[in-house]
Amino acid sequence: MTIEFSSDIGFTTQLPDGSFRVEESSAGAGTEQFSLPGGAYVSLVRDDGQVHDYAQAMEWAQKMAAYYQDEFGGRVLTEGRLQSAGKQSYAVAVAYRDPDEVPRLATITGVLFPGCAFFGLTLLAVAPDGDPDVTFVQGIVDGMALADAG
């Protein structure tokens, strides 16, 4: 089962049962953040001003993933295009250890609604086995839609 959330930054999303909106996003102003079952968090930012096409969405995901490589010595596990109706998406999954040596996985995804909106999605999860859950990320992207303008 899923829960639908509407965002102030222009999207709706379907997330797993047990998810909830974090009142004050640690991802900064202009973002939405959700706590997911199992201790994962997903943060979304809208950045229409910086990303206008698929190549820029791909570059955005790679640059954001580089943060986890540079700051935490992370390594890219997988990256590539996600197929999703009505949007173009590119994801990069990085395994790293946080300052407490907890194994984590950051999956950074650029989600472009052609001609109208770009959202950057960051999924942070504890990952003792280090394997990205591509199906889970695909489900989050598939569950995103633009919110009605009026």
Protein backbone atom coordinates (compact mmCIF):
# COMPACT_ATOMS: atom_id res chain seq x y z
CA MET A 1 0.00 0.00 0.00
CA THR A 2 1.06 3.55 -0.60
CA ILE A 3 0.28 7.03 0.66
CA GLU A 4 -0.04 10.06 -1.63
CA PHE A 5 1.64 13.29 -0.61
CA SER A 6 1.15 16.72 -2.20
CA SER A 7 4.08 19.11 -2.11
CA ASP A 8 4.34 22.88 -1.91
CA ILE A 9 7.07 22.73 -4.58
CA GLY A 10 4.77 21.35 -7.28
CA PHE A 11 4.58 17.56 -7.22
CA THR A 12 2.60 14.69 -5.81
CA THR A 13 4.21 11.41 -4.92
CA GLN A 14 3.26 7.91 -3.90
CA LEU A 15 5.39 6.55 -1.04
CA PRO A 16 5.19 3.30 0.94
CA ASP A 17 2.77 2.95 3.85
CA GLY A 18 4.42 4.23 7.02
CA SER A 19 6.10 7.17 5.27
CA PHE A 20 5.67 10.67 6.65
CA ARG A 21 6.66 14.24 5.75
CA VAL A 22 9.54 15.65 7.82
CA GLU A 23 8.35 19.02 9.13
CA GLU A 24 11.72 20.77 8.80
CA SER A 25 13.72 19.37 5.91
CA SER A 26 17.42 18.97 6.66
CA ALA A 27 17.99 19.32 2.91
CA GLY A 28 17.46 23.08 3.12
CA ALA A 29 14.97 25.71 2.05
CA GLY A 30 12.74 24.92 -0.91
CA THR A 31 12.94 21.16 -0.39
CA GLU A 32 10.59 18.44 0.76
CA GLN A 33 11.81 15.54 2.85
CA PHE A 34 10.08 12.29 3.76
CA SER A 35 10.95 9.56 6.24
CA LEU A 36 10.36 6.09 4.81
CA PRO A 37 9.97 2.73 6.54
CA GLY A 38 13.28 1.08 7.38
CA GLY A 39 15.11 4.28 8.27
CA ALA A 40 15.47 5.69 4.75
CA TYR A 41 14.90 9.34 3.83
CA VAL A 42 14.04 10.89 0.52
CA SER A 43 14.61 14.58 -0.18
CA LEU A 44 13.35 16.45 -3.22
CA VAL A 45 14.29 19.84 -4.58
CA ARG A 46 12.81 21.66 -7.56
CA ASP A 47 15.40 23.31 -9.80
CA ASP A 48 13.75 24.37 -13.07
CA GLY A 49 16.22 27.25 -13.40
CA GLN A 50 19.28 24.99 -13.68
CA VAL A 51 18.03 21.93 -15.56
CA HIS A 52 16.22 22.17 -18.90
CA ASP A 53 17.03 18.93 -20.74
CA TYR A 54 17.95 15.30 -20.15
CA ALA A 55 21.71 15.88 -20.49
CA GLN A 56 21.54 18.48 -17.71
CA ALA A 57 19.44 16.12 -15.55
CA MET A 58 22.10 13.45 -15.98
CA GLU A 59 24.89 15.93 -15.16
CA TRP A 60 22.98 17.12 -12.07
CA ALA A 61 22.68 13.55 -10.73
CA GLN A 62 26.37 12.85 -11.36
CA LYS A 63 27.50 16.09 -9.68
CA MET A 64 25.32 15.51 -6.62
CA ALA A 65 26.57 11.91 -6.37
CA ALA A 66 30.15 13.21 -6.49
CA TYR A 67 29.55 14.82 -3.09
CA TYR A 68 29.27 11.37 -1.47
CA GLN A 69 32.35 10.21 -3.35
CA ASP A 70 34.45 13.24 -2.39
CA GLU A 71 33.27 13.80 1.18
CA PHE A 72 32.93 10.18 2.31
CA GLY A 73 35.17 8.21 -0.04
CA GLY A 74 32.10 6.63 -1.61
CA ARG A 75 32.07 4.54 -4.75
CA VAL A 76 29.53 4.45 -7.55
CA LEU A 77 27.72 1.10 -7.59
CA THR A 78 25.50 1.72 -10.58
CA GLU A 79 24.11 4.50 -12.69
CA GLY A 80 21.79 4.83 -15.63
CA ARG A 81 18.51 5.87 -17.10
CA LEU A 82 15.23 4.94 -15.44
CA GLN A 83 12.27 4.36 -17.75
CA SER A 84 9.17 6.13 -16.47
CA ALA A 85 6.08 7.35 -18.32
CA GLY A 86 5.89 11.12 -18.77
CA LYS A 87 9.34 11.90 -17.42
CA GLN A 88 13.03 11.35 -18.07
CA SER A 89 15.17 10.18 -15.17
CA TYR A 90 18.80 9.36 -14.48
CA ALA A 91 20.05 7.81 -11.24
CA VAL A 92 23.46 7.30 -9.61
CA ALA A 93 23.85 5.03 -6.55
CA VAL A 94 26.85 5.61 -4.27
CA ALA A 95 27.90 3.37 -1.36
CA TYR A 96 29.72 5.12 1.48
CA ARG A 97 30.28 5.04 5.23
CA ASP A 98 29.06 7.90 7.38
CA PRO A 99 31.27 9.45 10.11
CA ASP A 100 30.11 6.71 12.53
CA GLU A 101 31.19 4.05 9.99
CA VAL A 102 27.59 3.02 9.26
CA PRO A 103 27.30 1.69 5.69
CA ARG A 104 24.97 3.92 3.70
CA LEU A 105 23.66 4.24 0.20
CA ALA A 106 22.85 7.52 -1.53
CA THR A 107 20.83 7.26 -4.71
CA ILE A 108 20.67 10.57 -6.53
CA THR A 109 18.09 10.88 -9.30
CA GLY A 110 17.35 13.72 -11.68
CA VAL A 111 13.68 13.65 -12.72
CA LEU A 112 12.74 15.83 -15.69
CA PHE A 113 9.17 16.43 -16.75
CA PRO A 114 9.91 17.49 -20.36
CA GLY A 115 9.28 21.12 -21.07
CA CYS A 116 8.11 22.06 -17.62
CA ALA A 117 9.80 20.93 -14.40
CA PHE A 118 12.91 19.32 -12.89
CA PHE A 119 13.15 17.64 -9.50
CA GLY A 120 16.29 16.32 -7.86
CA LEU A 121 15.67 13.33 -5.65
CA THR A 122 18.10 12.04 -3.02
CA LEU A 123 17.35 8.73 -1.31
CA LEU A 124 19.53 8.00 1.73
CA ALA A 125 19.37 4.55 3.29
CA VAL A 126 21.31 2.33 5.64
CA ALA A 127 22.74 -0.37 3.40
CA PRO A 128 24.55 -3.14 5.26
CA ASP A 129 24.70 -5.26 2.10
CA GLY A 130 25.64 -2.28 -0.10
CA ASP A 131 23.22 -3.17 -2.88
CA PRO A 132 21.00 -0.45 -4.34
CA ASP A 133 17.28 -1.24 -4.50
CA VAL A 134 16.70 -0.14 -8.09
CA THR A 135 13.08 -1.33 -7.98
CA PHE A 136 12.40 0.86 -4.94
CA VAL A 137 13.94 3.94 -6.59
CA GLN A 138 12.00 3.19 -9.78
CA GLY A 139 8.79 3.06 -7.71
CA ILE A 140 9.47 6.48 -6.19
CA VAL A 141 10.12 8.00 -9.61
CA ASP A 142 7.06 6.27 -11.12
CA GLY A 143 4.93 7.60 -8.25
CA MET A 144 5.85 11.24 -8.94
CA ALA A 145 3.51 13.53 -10.88
CA LEU A 146 3.22 17.25 -11.35
CA ALA A 147 0.71 18.84 -9.00
CA ASP A 148 -2.32 20.52 -10.52
CA ALA A 149 -1.67 24.21 -11.06
CA GLY A 150 -5.06 25.25 -9.87
